[in-house]
Amino acid sequence: MDRRTTLRAGLEVLVWWAVLGALWLVFISTVDTLELVVGASVALLGAVAAWGARRAVSGR
């Protein structure tokens, strides 16, 4: 992977993470530190999985 591809992949994961994190915040009732840490961690895991799934489907 060259620098441009790495930057693009990082940006895609960041966008997925932001969308999934916002979705997590919509569905929880109280926002405390533990919920933010868990939500951010799970959203990051989901973002990496979504990026990998998209790459697998597109054949890249």
C-alpha atoms as a PDB file:
ATOM      1  CA  MET A   1       0.000   0.000   0.000  1.00  0.00           C
ATOM      2  CA  ASP A   2       1.285   3.415  -0.874  1.00  0.00           C
ATOM      3  CA  ARG A   3       0.773   6.579   1.142  1.00  0.00           C
ATOM      4  CA  ARG A   4      -2.375   7.661  -0.688  1.00  0.00           C
ATOM      5  CA  THR A   5      -4.049   4.270  -0.230  1.00  0.00           C
ATOM      6  CA  THR A   6      -3.146   4.252   3.455  1.00  0.00           C
ATOM      7  CA  LEU A   7      -4.566   7.750   3.940  1.00  0.00           C
ATOM      8  CA  ARG A   8      -7.755   6.809   2.113  1.00  0.00           C
ATOM      9  CA  ALA A   9      -8.191   3.648   4.210  1.00  0.00           C
ATOM     10  CA  GLY A  10      -7.600   5.606   7.412  1.00  0.00           C
ATOM     11  CA  LEU A  11     -10.148   8.214   6.379  1.00  0.00           C
ATOM     12  CA  GLU A  12     -12.695   5.520   5.569  1.00  0.00           C
ATOM     13  CA  VAL A  13     -12.215   3.857   8.960  1.00  0.00           C
ATOM     14  CA  LEU A  14     -12.509   7.260  10.656  1.00  0.00           C
ATOM     15  CA  VAL A  15     -15.816   7.983   8.898  1.00  0.00           C
ATOM     16  CA  TRP A  16     -17.191   4.545   9.786  1.00  0.00           C
ATOM     17  CA  TRP A  17     -16.068   5.039  13.392  1.00  0.00           C
ATOM     18  CA  ALA A  18     -17.802   8.421  13.624  1.00  0.00           C
ATOM     19  CA  VAL A  19     -21.057   7.112  12.157  1.00  0.00           C
ATOM     20  CA  LEU A  20     -21.120   3.996  14.336  1.00  0.00           C
ATOM     21  CA  GLY A  21     -20.150   6.000  17.433  1.00  0.00           C
ATOM     22  CA  ALA A  22     -22.953   8.489  16.816  1.00  0.00           C
ATOM     23  CA  LEU A  23     -25.394   5.635  16.326  1.00  0.00           C
ATOM     24  CA  TRP A  24     -24.263   4.116  19.628  1.00  0.00           C
ATOM     25  CA  LEU A  25     -24.855   7.405  21.433  1.00  0.00           C
ATOM     26  CA  VAL A  26     -28.371   7.636  20.005  1.00  0.00           C
ATOM     27  CA  PHE A  27     -29.341   4.243  21.425  1.00  0.00           C
ATOM     28  CA  ILE A  28     -27.977   4.542  24.987  1.00  0.00           C
ATOM     29  CA  SER A  29     -29.971   6.232  27.723  1.00  0.00           C
ATOM     30  CA  THR A  30     -27.189   7.716  29.875  1.00  0.00           C
ATOM     31  CA  VAL A  31     -23.812   8.919  28.712  1.00  0.00           C
ATOM     32  CA  ASP A  32     -21.046   8.338  31.225  1.00  0.00           C
ATOM     33  CA  THR A  33     -17.340   7.625  30.851  1.00  0.00           C
ATOM     34  CA  LEU A  34     -17.673   3.843  30.699  1.00  0.00           C
ATOM     35  CA  GLU A  35     -20.354   4.059  28.004  1.00  0.00           C
ATOM     36  CA  LEU A  36     -18.154   6.374  25.932  1.00  0.00           C
ATOM     37  CA  VAL A  37     -15.145   4.058  26.206  1.00  0.00           C
ATOM     38  CA  VAL A  38     -17.174   0.961  25.335  1.00  0.00           C
ATOM     39  CA  GLY A  39     -18.990   2.735  22.517  1.00  0.00           C
ATOM     40  CA  ALA A  40     -15.792   4.095  20.995  1.00  0.00           C
ATOM     41  CA  SER A  41     -14.105   0.694  21.215  1.00  0.00           C
ATOM     42  CA  VAL A  42     -16.997  -1.211  19.671  1.00  0.00           C
ATOM     43  CA  ALA A  43     -17.448   1.441  16.978  1.00  0.00           C
ATOM     44  CA  LEU A  44     -13.752   1.167  16.077  1.00  0.00           C
ATOM     45  CA  LEU A  45     -14.015  -2.617  15.862  1.00  0.00           C
ATOM     46  CA  GLY A  46     -17.092  -2.288  13.648  1.00  0.00           C
ATOM     47  CA  ALA A  47     -15.374   0.330  11.484  1.00  0.00           C
ATOM     48  CA  VAL A  48     -12.381  -1.912  10.828  1.00  0.00           C
ATOM     49  CA  ALA A  49     -14.709  -4.839  10.079  1.00  0.00           C
ATOM     50  CA  ALA A  50     -16.769  -2.713   7.657  1.00  0.00           C
ATOM     51  CA  TRP A  51     -13.625  -1.514   5.908  1.00  0.00           C
ATOM     52  CA  GLY A  52     -12.336  -5.079   5.586  1.00  0.00           C
ATOM     53  CA  ALA A  53     -15.690  -6.361   4.333  1.00  0.00           C
ATOM     54  CA  ARG A  54     -15.857  -3.625   1.709  1.00  0.00           C
ATOM     55  CA  ARG A  55     -12.350  -4.466   0.538  1.00  0.00           C
ATOM     56  CA  ALA A  56     -13.209  -8.169   0.346  1.00  0.00           C
ATOM     57  CA  VAL A  57     -16.351  -7.524  -1.688  1.00  0.00           C
ATOM     58  CA  SER A  58     -14.655  -5.096  -4.065  1.00  0.00           C
ATOM     59  CA  GLY A  59     -11.740  -7.479  -4.642  1.00  0.00           C
ATOM     60  CA  ARG A  60      -8.980  -5.045  -3.685  1.00  0.00           C
END
